[in-house]
């Protein structure tokens, strides 16, 4: 069976769906095929002594593969002759090899992977008049070998057997079929994308101590006789793209913005990732997050995105597949970021589709992904969520004088947060976010109270509508008394950073609401959405930062007078369901 590249039209649209199949004889069959008439010497000696292979020989030697081809290991080599592989081409490959050497693992060096290993296979292979096999080259690419061709390259000589393998010569270089990741660096219209994904801060070789052979300790340092490296690309990891684009055993479709689209999106998106000047590695965080805002949600595994599924929606590798997981990840199960509906008449149309060895690279000149479908998200901070509460109000409990005359002050919290849950039979079940809220029970009845909530991952210069959602006493206790069901009066103060990293607050000295100038009374028997701010823009971002004490917080305070409390007009007990930051819509 040969490797076929099958292009199917899905729902009448010209979207190439690439499928791969590869069958060949077993390795043992190939190893046992040994035509009579073995030539003297190794493959390397045969190549080196053939004047028609001098250009190929120079690349083999420059890259250190002369040692391999002179060893006892068995190879099959398809060597291009000088008639199709010039000295200038050889010199260019050698220069490229040295430019990358030390920066990437040799197995990912473009000269080795895309040229040398594309002309060499492990084990013995030979051809006959009936040959029609797919063989695997050293770089993992599957190529069809027939009696007269390897891929599209004609065989000019065949089945020359040497001590450590078989030598063929070919009349043209064997075509290299790039995978989705490799295609980026082969297309001039994708230079910006290539520069990002192949940047040394993400794409680098990584030493593997556990797989390397130790040779003792010299001057307190371990010396290795054999050092093993692997090529690592951080952008493939789960916190970024969550897709191994260089995996030949997977099949991906990927939307790739052209240089013009890339520049336009970077110019727009960089305003949303303006970090304050005190952020550690600020420039690097700004650079990475601006560009990942473009690329997250652009890779699609064909294992998940079957033809049938694409009739409804496309799930990128950054999407959350299961509804219950979406609630945990996004805060609500009806949120579906990085998932695109009707893709066959949307994001997958109007692109230039380039077939790759593990999928399709889709060059995009017309960007159809809205930021509200990806990184510009509604944020839901559950009051009962871990780390949501920064602090609650405190008062002095007692002051004691130490022997040295100094004072020792003991503080006590004025309220105690207690998690409450809505049972399935309750009227408010599924009306309260995540069916949980926090009831802040006073320990001091004579004072007003406050609770400050942490808010993470905000973007800069994008408008948010901010809500505080309160829950009714009846949501936890259907027998709540009239006193327990009283409303409360609330006021709010929003804290955030300036460009210099200083904390400022929005609201006047009395902490009045951000939207209006009076304290807000919640609706006592409703899940009440109180708008705290409208179209509020943070000057600096906290998106993607690891913050022990988040730079953005919201204080919620009771604002009830003693008279109002005595007359049973309002209660100082607060019941907070969640905080919501929703992208503003005009």
Protein backbone atom coordinates (compact mmCIF):
# COMPACT_ATOMS: atom_id res chain seq x y z
CA UNK A 1 0.00 0.00 0.00
CA UNK A 2 1.35 3.41 -0.81
CA UNK A 3 1.12 6.66 1.07
CA UNK A 4 -1.74 8.66 -0.45
CA UNK A 5 -2.53 12.31 -0.03
CA UNK A 6 -6.30 12.44 -0.39
CA UNK A 7 -8.06 15.75 -0.79
CA UNK A 8 -11.76 15.71 0.01
CA UNK A 9 -14.31 18.48 -0.32
CA UNK A 10 -16.24 18.79 2.92
CA UNK A 11 -19.78 20.15 2.45
CA UNK A 12 -18.90 21.49 -0.95
CA UNK A 13 -16.01 23.60 0.33
CA UNK A 14 -12.49 23.26 -1.03
CA UNK A 15 -10.84 22.40 2.29
CA UNK A 16 -8.13 19.80 1.89
CA UNK A 17 -8.41 16.97 4.41
CA UNK A 18 -5.11 15.14 4.53
CA UNK A 19 -5.10 11.49 5.54
CA UNK A 20 -2.07 9.32 5.84
CA UNK A 21 -1.51 5.63 5.51
CA UNK A 22 1.73 3.80 5.25
CA UNK A 23 2.33 0.11 4.71
CA UNK A 24 5.57 -1.61 3.95
CA UNK A 25 7.17 -4.96 4.26
CA UNK A 26 8.45 -5.82 7.72
CA UNK A 27 11.95 -4.78 8.66
CA UNK A 28 13.02 -8.43 8.71
CA UNK A 29 11.86 -8.85 5.10
CA UNK A 30 13.98 -5.88 4.07
CA UNK A 31 16.99 -7.03 6.08
CA UNK A 32 16.82 -10.44 4.42
CA UNK A 33 16.74 -8.97 0.89
CA UNK A 34 20.43 -9.07 -0.02
CA UNK A 35 21.15 -9.31 -3.74
CA UNK A 36 24.29 -11.09 -4.65
CA UNK A 37 27.44 -9.19 -5.41
CA UNK A 38 28.48 -7.17 -2.35
CA UNK A 39 30.96 -4.41 -3.14
CA UNK A 40 34.03 -3.85 -1.03
CA UNK A 41 34.09 -1.18 1.64
CA UNK A 42 31.55 0.94 3.47
CA UNK A 43 28.87 3.24 2.16
CA UNK A 44 31.03 6.22 3.05
CA UNK A 45 33.97 4.88 1.05
CA UNK A 46 31.69 4.31 -1.95
CA UNK A 47 30.29 7.84 -1.76
CA UNK A 48 33.67 9.44 -1.18
CA UNK A 49 35.28 7.62 -4.10
CA UNK A 50 32.51 8.42 -6.59
CA UNK A 51 33.33 11.74 -8.35
CA UNK A 52 29.67 12.18 -9.33
CA UNK A 53 28.79 12.33 -5.62
CA UNK A 54 31.42 14.86 -4.52
CA UNK A 55 28.89 17.57 -3.63
CA UNK A 56 26.76 15.17 -1.62
CA UNK A 57 29.93 13.81 -0.01
CA UNK A 58 30.97 17.29 1.15
CA UNK A 59 27.68 17.77 3.02
CA UNK A 60 27.89 14.28 4.57
CA UNK A 61 31.38 14.99 5.87
CA UNK A 62 30.67 18.55 7.05
CA UNK A 63 27.75 17.33 9.14
CA UNK A 64 29.67 14.40 10.64
CA UNK A 65 27.63 11.70 8.92
CA UNK A 66 30.76 10.22 7.36
CA UNK A 67 31.37 8.45 10.66
CA UNK A 68 27.90 6.93 10.68
CA UNK A 69 28.10 5.79 7.08
CA UNK A 70 31.48 4.18 7.81
CA UNK A 71 30.20 2.33 10.89
CA UNK A 72 28.72 -1.15 11.26
CA UNK A 73 25.19 0.27 11.36
CA UNK A 74 23.13 -0.57 8.28
CA UNK A 75 21.73 2.19 6.01
CA UNK A 76 20.21 2.70 2.60
CA UNK A 77 21.41 5.91 0.92
CA UNK A 78 19.77 7.72 -2.00
CA UNK A 79 22.57 10.03 -3.11
CA UNK A 80 21.89 12.92 -5.53
CA UNK A 81 24.51 13.23 -8.25
CA UNK A 82 26.33 16.42 -9.10
CA UNK A 83 24.08 16.87 -12.14
CA UNK A 84 21.14 17.67 -9.85
CA UNK A 85 22.98 18.87 -6.75
CA UNK A 86 25.50 21.63 -7.35
CA UNK A 87 28.49 22.72 -5.32
CA UNK A 88 26.74 26.05 -4.60
CA UNK A 89 23.76 24.17 -3.17
CA UNK A 90 26.06 22.00 -1.08
CA UNK A 91 27.95 25.02 0.27
CA UNK A 92 24.67 26.72 1.17
CA UNK A 93 23.52 23.66 3.13
CA UNK A 94 26.84 23.44 4.94
CA UNK A 95 26.66 27.11 5.91
CA UNK A 96 23.11 26.59 7.19
CA UNK A 97 24.28 23.59 9.22
CA UNK A 98 26.99 25.61 10.95
CA UNK A 99 24.64 28.55 11.57
CA UNK A 100 22.27 26.27 13.50
CA UNK A 101 24.84 24.03 15.15
CA UNK A 102 24.84 24.45 18.92
CA UNK A 103 21.55 26.32 18.86
CA UNK A 104 19.32 23.38 18.04
CA UNK A 105 19.71 19.66 18.54
CA UNK A 106 21.44 18.02 15.56
CA UNK A 107 18.32 15.97 14.87
CA UNK A 108 16.44 19.24 14.27
CA UNK A 109 19.19 20.96 12.33
CA UNK A 110 17.51 21.83 9.03
CA UNK A 111 20.41 20.57 6.87
CA UNK A 112 20.48 17.23 8.64
CA UNK A 113 16.74 16.74 8.98
CA UNK A 114 15.54 18.16 5.66
CA UNK A 115 18.42 17.06 3.44
CA UNK A 116 20.71 14.34 4.79
CA UNK A 117 18.14 12.33 6.71
CA UNK A 118 15.72 12.80 3.84
CA UNK A 119 18.14 10.86 1.62
CA UNK A 120 19.07 8.14 4.13
CA UNK A 121 17.01 5.31 5.64
CA UNK A 122 17.91 2.84 8.34
CA UNK A 123 18.21 -0.83 7.29
CA UNK A 124 18.68 -2.45 3.89
CA UNK A 125 16.29 -1.67 1.03
CA UNK A 126 16.48 -2.83 -2.55
CA UNK A 127 14.12 -2.71 -5.50
CA UNK A 128 12.83 -5.08 -8.13
CA UNK A 129 10.48 -4.63 -11.08
CA UNK A 130 7.46 -5.10 -8.78
CA UNK A 131 8.63 -2.82 -5.95
CA UNK A 132 5.98 -0.45 -4.62
CA UNK A 133 6.77 0.11 -0.93
CA UNK A 134 6.61 3.03 1.45
CA UNK A 135 9.81 3.32 3.46
CA UNK A 136 10.63 5.50 6.43
CA UNK A 137 13.59 7.82 6.11
CA UNK A 138 15.80 8.73 9.06
CA UNK A 139 13.81 11.93 9.66
CA UNK A 140 10.58 9.96 10.09
CA UNK A 141 9.12 10.88 6.70
CA UNK A 142 7.39 8.10 4.74
CA UNK A 143 8.33 8.05 1.04
CA UNK A 144 7.20 5.74 -1.76
CA UNK A 145 9.97 3.56 -3.27
CA UNK A 146 9.30 1.89 -6.62
CA UNK A 147 11.51 0.16 -9.16
CA UNK A 148 12.29 3.50 -10.80
CA UNK A 149 11.69 6.27 -8.24
CA UNK A 150 12.05 7.36 -4.62
CA UNK A 151 9.20 9.82 -4.20
CA UNK A 152 9.41 11.98 -7.34
CA UNK A 153 13.15 11.44 -7.80
CA UNK A 154 14.27 9.03 -10.57
CA UNK A 155 16.71 6.28 -9.61
CA UNK A 156 19.82 6.51 -11.78
CA UNK A 157 21.47 3.46 -10.20
CA UNK A 158 20.09 0.89 -7.78
CA UNK A 159 20.92 -1.91 -5.37
CA UNK A 160 24.65 -1.29 -4.90
CA UNK A 161 25.42 -3.39 -1.83
CA UNK A 162 28.29 -2.50 0.52
CA UNK A 163 29.47 -3.77 3.88
CA UNK A 164 26.97 -1.65 5.82
CA UNK A 165 24.09 -1.09 3.45
CA UNK A 166 22.72 -0.23 0.03
CA UNK A 167 23.55 2.73 -2.21
CA UNK A 168 21.26 4.27 -4.83
CA UNK A 169 21.93 7.37 -6.87
CA UNK A 170 19.09 9.71 -7.86
CA UNK A 171 18.61 12.21 -10.67
CA UNK A 172 17.01 14.88 -8.49
CA UNK A 173 16.98 15.70 -4.80
CA UNK A 174 14.35 13.81 -2.83
CA UNK A 175 11.50 16.20 -2.07
CA UNK A 176 11.18 17.11 1.57
CA UNK A 177 7.55 17.17 2.73
CA UNK A 178 7.44 19.53 5.77
CA UNK A 179 5.11 19.11 8.70
CA UNK A 180 2.89 21.96 9.86
CA UNK A 181 5.57 23.38 12.17
CA UNK A 182 8.31 23.19 9.57
CA UNK A 183 6.17 24.81 6.90
CA UNK A 184 6.34 28.14 8.77
CA UNK A 185 10.00 28.61 7.92
CA UNK A 186 9.62 27.64 4.28
CA UNK A 187 7.09 30.28 3.28
CA UNK A 188 8.19 33.91 2.97
CA UNK A 189 4.63 35.10 3.62
CA UNK A 190 4.86 33.59 7.11
CA UNK A 191 8.16 35.15 8.21
CA UNK A 192 6.60 36.85 11.25
CA UNK A 193 5.01 33.63 12.46
CA UNK A 194 8.25 31.74 11.85
CA UNK A 195 10.26 34.32 13.82
CA UNK A 196 7.95 33.88 16.80
CA UNK A 197 7.76 30.07 16.88
CA UNK A 198 11.46 29.58 16.18
CA UNK A 199 12.59 32.25 18.64
CA UNK A 200 15.43 30.97 20.82
CA UNK A 201 13.57 31.81 24.03
CA UNK A 202 11.02 29.10 23.14
CA UNK A 203 12.77 26.82 20.65
CA UNK A 204 15.99 25.45 22.05
CA UNK A 205 17.88 22.28 22.76
CA UNK A 206 17.66 20.98 26.29
CA UNK A 207 20.25 18.77 28.00
CA UNK A 208 18.91 15.42 29.29
CA UNK A 209 21.13 14.49 32.25
CA UNK A 210 19.18 11.30 33.05
CA UNK A 211 19.79 9.93 29.54
CA UNK A 212 23.43 11.03 29.28
CA UNK A 213 26.46 8.89 30.18
CA UNK A 214 28.46 10.20 33.13
CA UNK A 215 32.24 10.13 32.95
CA UNK A 216 33.19 11.18 36.46
CA UNK A 217 33.59 14.43 38.36
CA UNK A 218 36.23 17.04 37.58
CA UNK A 219 36.60 20.17 39.72
CA UNK A 220 33.28 19.40 41.38
CA UNK A 221 31.40 19.15 38.11
CA UNK A 222 30.03 16.04 36.41
CA UNK A 223 31.67 15.29 33.07
CA UNK A 224 29.59 13.42 30.49
CA UNK A 225 31.06 10.97 27.98
CA UNK A 226 27.87 11.07 25.92
CA UNK A 227 25.55 14.05 26.25
CA UNK A 228 21.95 13.60 25.16
CA UNK A 229 19.80 16.56 24.15
CA UNK A 230 16.24 17.01 22.99
CA UNK A 231 14.69 19.83 21.03
CA UNK A 232 12.12 21.70 23.11
CA UNK A 233 9.52 24.22 22.00
CA UNK A 234 7.70 25.79 24.94
CA UNK A 235 4.95 27.12 22.66
CA UNK A 236 3.74 23.55 22.09
CA UNK A 237 2.99 23.11 25.80
CA UNK A 238 -0.46 23.11 27.40
CA UNK A 239 -0.25 26.67 28.77
CA UNK A 240 0.34 27.94 25.25
CA UNK A 241 -0.80 26.17 22.07
CA UNK A 242 -1.27 22.67 23.53
CA UNK A 243 -0.31 21.08 20.20
CA UNK A 244 2.80 19.15 19.10
CA UNK A 245 2.92 20.60 15.61
CA UNK A 246 6.08 18.68 14.69
CA UNK A 247 4.61 15.26 15.55
CA UNK A 248 4.51 13.17 12.39
CA UNK A 249 2.02 10.76 14.00
CA UNK A 250 -0.63 13.47 14.51
CA UNK A 251 -2.75 15.39 12.03
CA UNK A 252 -3.39 19.10 12.50
CA UNK A 253 -5.04 21.91 10.64
CA UNK A 254 -3.57 25.27 11.59
CA UNK A 255 -4.58 28.83 10.76
CA UNK A 256 -1.44 30.83 10.01
CA UNK A 257 -1.67 34.64 9.68
CA UNK A 258 0.36 36.11 6.86
CA UNK A 259 2.87 38.85 7.64
CA UNK A 260 0.37 41.59 6.86
CA UNK A 261 -2.30 40.10 9.14
CA UNK A 262 0.28 39.41 11.86
CA UNK A 263 1.48 43.01 11.95
CA UNK A 264 -2.06 44.33 12.06
CA UNK A 265 -3.04 42.06 14.97
CA UNK A 266 0.14 42.75 16.94
CA UNK A 267 -0.45 46.49 16.60
CA UNK A 268 -3.97 46.08 17.99
CA UNK A 269 -3.35 43.44 20.65
CA UNK A 270 -0.23 44.94 22.24
CA UNK A 271 -2.42 47.61 23.89
CA UNK A 272 -4.21 44.87 25.83
CA UNK A 273 -0.99 43.56 27.39
CA UNK A 274 0.51 46.73 28.83
CA UNK A 275 2.09 45.57 32.10
CA UNK A 276 3.21 47.92 34.83
CA UNK A 277 6.89 48.78 35.03
CA UNK A 278 7.50 46.64 38.14
CA UNK A 279 6.45 43.33 36.55
CA UNK A 280 9.32 40.82 36.46
CA UNK A 281 10.59 40.30 32.87
CA UNK A 282 7.97 42.75 31.69
CA UNK A 283 9.19 42.98 28.09
CA UNK A 284 9.28 39.20 27.67
CA UNK A 285 5.79 38.75 29.14
CA UNK A 286 4.46 41.53 26.92
CA UNK A 287 6.07 40.04 23.80
CA UNK A 288 4.87 36.49 24.43
CA UNK A 289 1.32 37.17 25.57
CA UNK A 290 0.60 39.65 22.79
CA UNK A 291 1.52 37.07 20.18
CA UNK A 292 -0.04 34.08 21.90
CA UNK A 293 -3.28 36.08 21.99
CA UNK A 294 -3.17 35.74 18.20
CA UNK A 295 -2.12 32.11 18.03
CA UNK A 296 -4.09 30.44 20.82
CA UNK A 297 -7.06 28.78 19.24
CA UNK A 298 -5.53 28.37 15.76
CA UNK A 299 -4.52 24.67 15.87
CA UNK A 300 -7.05 21.89 15.37
CA UNK A 301 -6.45 18.18 15.92
CA UNK A 302 -8.19 16.11 13.28
CA UNK A 303 -8.58 13.31 15.83
CA UNK A 304 -11.15 15.48 17.60
CA UNK A 305 -12.39 17.51 14.66
CA UNK A 306 -13.88 14.81 12.48
CA UNK A 307 -15.76 15.68 9.29
CA UNK A 308 -19.05 15.10 11.12
CA UNK A 309 -18.09 17.37 14.00
CA UNK A 310 -17.01 20.18 11.69
CA UNK A 311 -20.59 20.45 10.45
CA UNK A 312 -21.32 22.10 13.81
CA UNK A 313 -18.11 23.58 15.24
CA UNK A 314 -14.34 23.36 15.32
CA UNK A 315 -12.63 22.73 18.66
CA UNK A 316 -9.10 24.10 18.75
CA UNK A 317 -6.42 22.53 20.92
CA UNK A 318 -7.04 25.32 23.47
CA UNK A 319 -10.77 24.61 23.77
CA UNK A 320 -12.24 22.83 26.80
CA UNK A 321 -14.06 19.78 25.47
CA UNK A 322 -16.41 18.88 28.32
CA UNK A 323 -19.11 21.10 29.79
CA UNK A 324 -18.34 20.28 33.41
CA UNK A 325 -14.71 21.18 32.80
CA UNK A 326 -15.74 24.49 31.25
CA UNK A 327 -17.44 25.48 34.48
CA UNK A 328 -14.20 24.78 36.35
CA UNK A 329 -12.01 26.52 33.75
CA UNK A 330 -14.12 29.46 32.60
CA UNK A 331 -16.60 29.81 35.46
CA UNK A 332 -19.70 28.72 33.52
CA UNK A 333 -20.51 25.71 31.35
CA UNK A 334 -22.07 27.85 28.60
CA UNK A 335 -18.78 29.61 27.83
CA UNK A 336 -16.96 28.12 24.85
CA UNK A 337 -13.74 29.98 24.16
CA UNK A 338 -11.46 28.75 21.36
CA UNK A 339 -14.40 26.91 19.78
CA UNK A 340 -15.85 28.22 16.50
CA UNK A 341 -19.32 27.49 15.20
CA UNK A 342 -20.05 26.87 11.51
CA UNK A 343 -16.32 26.76 10.64
CA UNK A 344 -16.91 25.45 7.13
CA UNK A 345 -18.55 28.73 6.22
CA UNK A 346 -16.40 30.76 8.60
CA UNK A 347 -12.81 30.45 9.78
CA UNK A 348 -11.84 27.71 7.29
CA UNK A 349 -12.95 29.63 4.20
CA UNK A 350 -10.95 31.99 2.01
CA UNK A 351 -7.57 30.59 3.12
CA UNK A 352 -4.69 29.18 1.08
CA UNK A 353 -4.35 25.54 2.13
CA UNK A 354 -0.91 23.94 1.93
CA UNK A 355 -0.61 20.17 2.38
CA UNK A 356 1.95 19.10 4.98
CA UNK A 357 3.20 15.71 6.16
CA UNK A 358 1.01 15.88 9.27
CA UNK A 359 -1.88 18.06 8.17
CA UNK A 360 -2.65 21.36 6.50
CA UNK A 361 -1.17 24.83 6.92
CA UNK A 362 -3.91 27.38 6.21
CA UNK A 363 -2.49 30.76 5.26
CA UNK A 364 -4.93 33.48 6.33
CA UNK A 365 -5.22 36.89 4.70
CA UNK A 366 -8.66 37.62 6.17
CA UNK A 367 -8.65 37.06 9.94
CA UNK A 368 -12.08 35.84 11.05
CA UNK A 369 -11.39 35.07 14.73
CA UNK A 370 -12.91 37.62 17.11
CA UNK A 371 -10.92 38.30 20.30
CA UNK A 372 -14.14 37.69 22.28
CA UNK A 373 -13.94 34.09 21.11
CA UNK A 374 -10.43 33.66 22.50
CA UNK A 375 -8.54 35.75 25.04
CA UNK A 376 -11.01 38.59 25.74
CA UNK A 377 -13.15 36.63 28.17
CA UNK A 378 -15.85 37.10 30.76
CA UNK A 379 -14.25 36.56 34.15
CA UNK A 380 -16.25 34.97 36.97
CA UNK A 381 -14.72 35.09 40.45
CA UNK A 382 -16.67 32.75 42.70
CA UNK A 383 -16.83 34.13 46.24
CA UNK A 384 -16.35 30.62 47.60
CA UNK A 385 -13.46 29.87 45.24
CA UNK A 386 -10.02 29.12 46.59
CA UNK A 387 -8.00 32.32 46.93
CA UNK A 388 -10.93 34.59 46.03
CA UNK A 389 -11.04 36.38 49.39
CA UNK A 390 -8.04 38.53 50.18
CA UNK A 391 -9.15 39.85 53.55
CA UNK A 392 -12.13 40.81 55.69
CA UNK A 393 -12.52 43.81 58.00
CA UNK A 394 -10.95 43.73 61.48
CA UNK A 395 -11.23 45.71 64.69
CA UNK A 396 -9.00 45.95 67.71
CA UNK A 397 -9.85 43.28 70.26
CA UNK A 398 -7.40 44.31 72.97
CA UNK A 399 -4.18 46.19 73.55
CA UNK A 400 -1.62 44.96 76.07
CA UNK A 401 1.51 46.67 77.35
CA UNK A 402 4.73 44.64 77.29
CA UNK A 403 7.44 44.85 79.96
CA UNK A 404 9.48 47.15 77.73
CA UNK A 405 6.54 49.53 77.50
CA UNK A 406 5.65 48.72 73.87
CA UNK A 407 2.09 47.96 72.90
CA UNK A 408 0.85 44.62 71.58
CA UNK A 409 -2.42 44.88 69.63
CA UNK A 410 -4.70 41.94 68.98
CA UNK A 411 -7.13 42.21 66.09
CA UNK A 412 -10.34 40.29 65.49
CA UNK A 413 -12.27 39.88 62.24
CA UNK A 414 -15.67 41.55 62.28
CA UNK A 415 -17.22 38.92 60.03
CA UNK A 416 -16.73 35.20 59.40
CA UNK A 417 -17.06 33.87 55.83
CA UNK A 418 -19.18 30.73 55.67
CA UNK A 419 -19.69 28.78 52.46
CA UNK A 420 -23.33 28.09 51.67
CA UNK A 421 -24.68 25.76 49.00
CA UNK A 422 -27.95 25.53 47.09
CA UNK A 423 -29.62 22.12 47.22
CA UNK A 424 -31.13 20.62 44.06
CA UNK A 425 -34.71 21.00 45.33
CA UNK A 426 -34.31 24.69 46.14
CA UNK A 427 -36.05 27.32 43.98
CA UNK A 428 -32.69 29.03 43.40
CA UNK A 429 -30.88 25.90 42.25
CA UNK A 430 -28.85 26.70 39.10
CA UNK A 431 -29.71 30.39 39.51
CA UNK A 432 -26.82 30.94 41.92
CA UNK A 433 -23.49 30.66 40.11
CA UNK A 434 -21.92 27.26 40.74
CA UNK A 435 -24.75 26.74 43.30
CA UNK A 436 -22.58 28.21 46.02
CA UNK A 437 -22.09 31.55 47.75
CA UNK A 438 -20.45 33.01 50.84
CA UNK A 439 -22.44 34.34 53.76
CA UNK A 440 -20.44 36.83 55.80
CA UNK A 441 -21.75 36.46 59.34
CA UNK A 442 -20.99 39.38 61.70
CA UNK A 443 -18.99 38.79 64.86
CA UNK A 444 -19.52 42.44 65.77
CA UNK A 445 -23.06 43.79 65.30
CA UNK A 446 -22.23 47.40 66.05
CA UNK A 447 -19.98 48.07 63.03
CA UNK A 448 -20.16 47.81 59.26
CA UNK A 449 -18.06 45.18 57.55
CA UNK A 450 -16.04 44.72 54.40
CA UNK A 451 -14.58 41.91 52.33
CA UNK A 452 -11.95 42.36 49.63
CA UNK A 453 -11.86 39.98 46.65
CA UNK A 454 -8.87 39.18 44.47
CA UNK A 455 -9.25 39.65 40.72
CA UNK A 456 -6.68 38.10 38.40
CA UNK A 457 -5.87 38.10 34.69
CA UNK A 458 -7.31 41.42 33.61
CA UNK A 459 -6.39 43.00 30.29
CA UNK A 460 -5.43 46.62 29.85
CA UNK A 461 -7.30 49.18 27.75
CA UNK A 462 -10.32 46.94 27.19
CA UNK A 463 -13.69 47.91 28.66
CA UNK A 464 -15.23 45.75 31.37
CA UNK A 465 -18.68 45.91 32.92
CA UNK A 466 -18.16 44.84 36.54
CA UNK A 467 -20.89 43.22 38.60
CA UNK A 468 -21.22 42.04 42.20
CA UNK A 469 -23.82 39.27 42.43
CA UNK A 470 -25.63 38.76 45.74
CA UNK A 471 -27.55 35.66 46.78
CA UNK A 472 -30.77 35.55 48.86
CA UNK A 473 -30.95 33.91 52.27
CA UNK A 474 -33.63 31.60 50.85
CA UNK A 475 -31.09 30.04 48.48
CA UNK A 476 -29.50 28.19 51.39
CA UNK A 477 -32.43 28.06 53.79
CA UNK A 478 -35.95 27.92 52.39
CA UNK A 479 -37.23 28.60 55.95
CA UNK A 480 -35.22 31.79 56.38
CA UNK A 481 -36.99 34.32 58.62
CA UNK A 482 -38.03 37.81 57.62
CA UNK A 483 -35.10 39.21 59.59
CA UNK A 484 -32.66 36.92 57.77
CA UNK A 485 -34.17 37.93 54.42
CA UNK A 486 -33.62 41.66 54.91
CA UNK A 487 -31.71 43.52 52.19
CA UNK A 488 -28.44 45.26 52.84
CA UNK A 489 -26.85 48.45 51.57
CA UNK A 490 -23.51 48.06 49.83
CA UNK A 491 -20.72 50.25 48.53
CA UNK A 492 -17.67 49.31 46.51
CA UNK A 493 -14.06 50.33 45.98
CA UNK A 494 -11.92 49.03 43.11
CA UNK A 495 -8.13 48.89 43.55
CA UNK A 496 -5.65 48.54 40.68
CA UNK A 497 -2.12 49.47 39.63
CA UNK A 498 -0.79 52.45 37.72
CA UNK A 499 1.96 52.22 35.11
CA UNK A 500 4.50 52.81 37.89
CA UNK A 501 3.13 49.88 39.90
CA UNK A 502 1.43 52.00 42.55
CA UNK A 503 -1.97 50.94 43.88
CA UNK A 504 -4.81 53.40 43.38
CA UNK A 505 -8.51 53.14 44.06
CA UNK A 506 -11.51 54.13 42.03
CA UNK A 507 -14.32 55.75 44.05
CA UNK A 508 -14.27 58.80 46.31
CA UNK A 509 -13.06 58.90 49.90
CA UNK A 510 -16.39 57.56 51.14
CA UNK A 511 -16.06 54.55 48.88
CA UNK A 512 -19.23 55.32 46.96
CA UNK A 513 -20.19 52.99 44.09
CA UNK A 514 -18.36 53.42 40.83
CA UNK A 515 -21.54 53.67 38.77
CA UNK A 516 -23.61 56.06 40.89
CA UNK A 517 -23.27 58.25 43.99
CA UNK A 518 -25.39 56.40 46.51
CA UNK A 519 -25.04 53.11 48.31
CA UNK A 520 -26.78 50.25 46.52
CA UNK A 521 -29.58 48.23 48.09
CA UNK A 522 -29.73 44.66 46.87
CA UNK A 523 -32.96 42.85 46.06
CA UNK A 524 -33.37 40.57 49.10
CA UNK A 525 -35.16 37.57 47.55
CA UNK A 526 -33.37 37.62 44.20
CA UNK A 527 -30.04 36.68 42.75
CA UNK A 528 -29.19 40.34 42.21
CA UNK A 529 -26.68 41.58 39.65
CA UNK A 530 -25.37 44.93 40.90
CA UNK A 531 -23.41 46.87 38.26
CA UNK A 532 -20.36 48.31 39.96
CA UNK A 533 -18.64 49.77 36.90
CA UNK A 534 -19.45 50.21 33.22
CA UNK A 535 -16.87 50.03 30.43
CA UNK A 536 -14.06 50.30 32.98
CA UNK A 537 -10.57 50.12 31.47
CA UNK A 538 -7.60 49.08 33.54
CA UNK A 539 -4.48 51.05 32.56
CA UNK A 540 -2.22 48.02 33.07
CA UNK A 541 -2.71 44.28 32.62
CA UNK A 542 -2.29 41.37 35.01
CA UNK A 543 -3.12 38.70 32.42
CA UNK A 544 -0.99 35.57 32.82
CA UNK A 545 0.91 36.80 35.90
CA UNK A 546 1.59 34.60 38.90
CA UNK A 547 0.50 36.91 41.71
CA UNK A 548 0.66 36.13 45.42
CA UNK A 549 -1.29 39.35 46.01
CA UNK A 550 -3.15 40.28 42.81
CA UNK A 551 -2.80 43.90 41.77
CA UNK A 552 -6.56 44.18 41.14
CA UNK A 553 -9.07 43.81 43.99
CA UNK A 554 -12.62 44.85 44.82
CA UNK A 555 -13.77 45.81 48.31
CA UNK A 556 -17.46 45.23 49.14
CA UNK A 557 -18.72 47.00 52.27
CA UNK A 558 -21.96 47.05 54.18
CA UNK A 559 -23.30 50.61 54.61
CA UNK A 560 -26.05 50.33 57.20
CA UNK A 561 -26.59 52.78 60.06
CA UNK A 562 -27.27 51.54 63.58
CA UNK A 563 -30.78 53.03 63.38
CA UNK A 564 -31.52 51.20 60.14
CA UNK A 565 -30.32 47.99 61.73
CA UNK A 566 -32.39 48.47 64.92
CA UNK A 567 -35.50 49.26 62.87
CA UNK A 568 -34.97 46.07 60.83
CA UNK A 569 -34.71 48.03 57.57
CA UNK A 570 -31.44 46.46 56.51
CA UNK A 571 -29.03 43.77 57.67
CA UNK A 572 -25.25 43.93 57.87
CA UNK A 573 -24.98 40.30 56.80
CA UNK A 574 -23.67 40.08 53.24
CA UNK A 575 -24.26 37.12 50.92
CA UNK A 576 -21.94 37.29 47.91
CA UNK A 577 -22.34 34.87 45.03
CA UNK A 578 -19.60 36.03 42.64
CA UNK A 579 -17.83 38.93 40.94
CA UNK A 580 -18.21 39.21 37.15
CA UNK A 581 -16.07 41.17 34.71
CA UNK A 582 -17.87 41.11 31.38
CA UNK A 583 -16.51 42.61 28.15
CA UNK A 584 -18.46 45.78 27.47
CA UNK A 585 -20.79 45.87 24.50
CA UNK A 586 -22.01 49.10 22.97
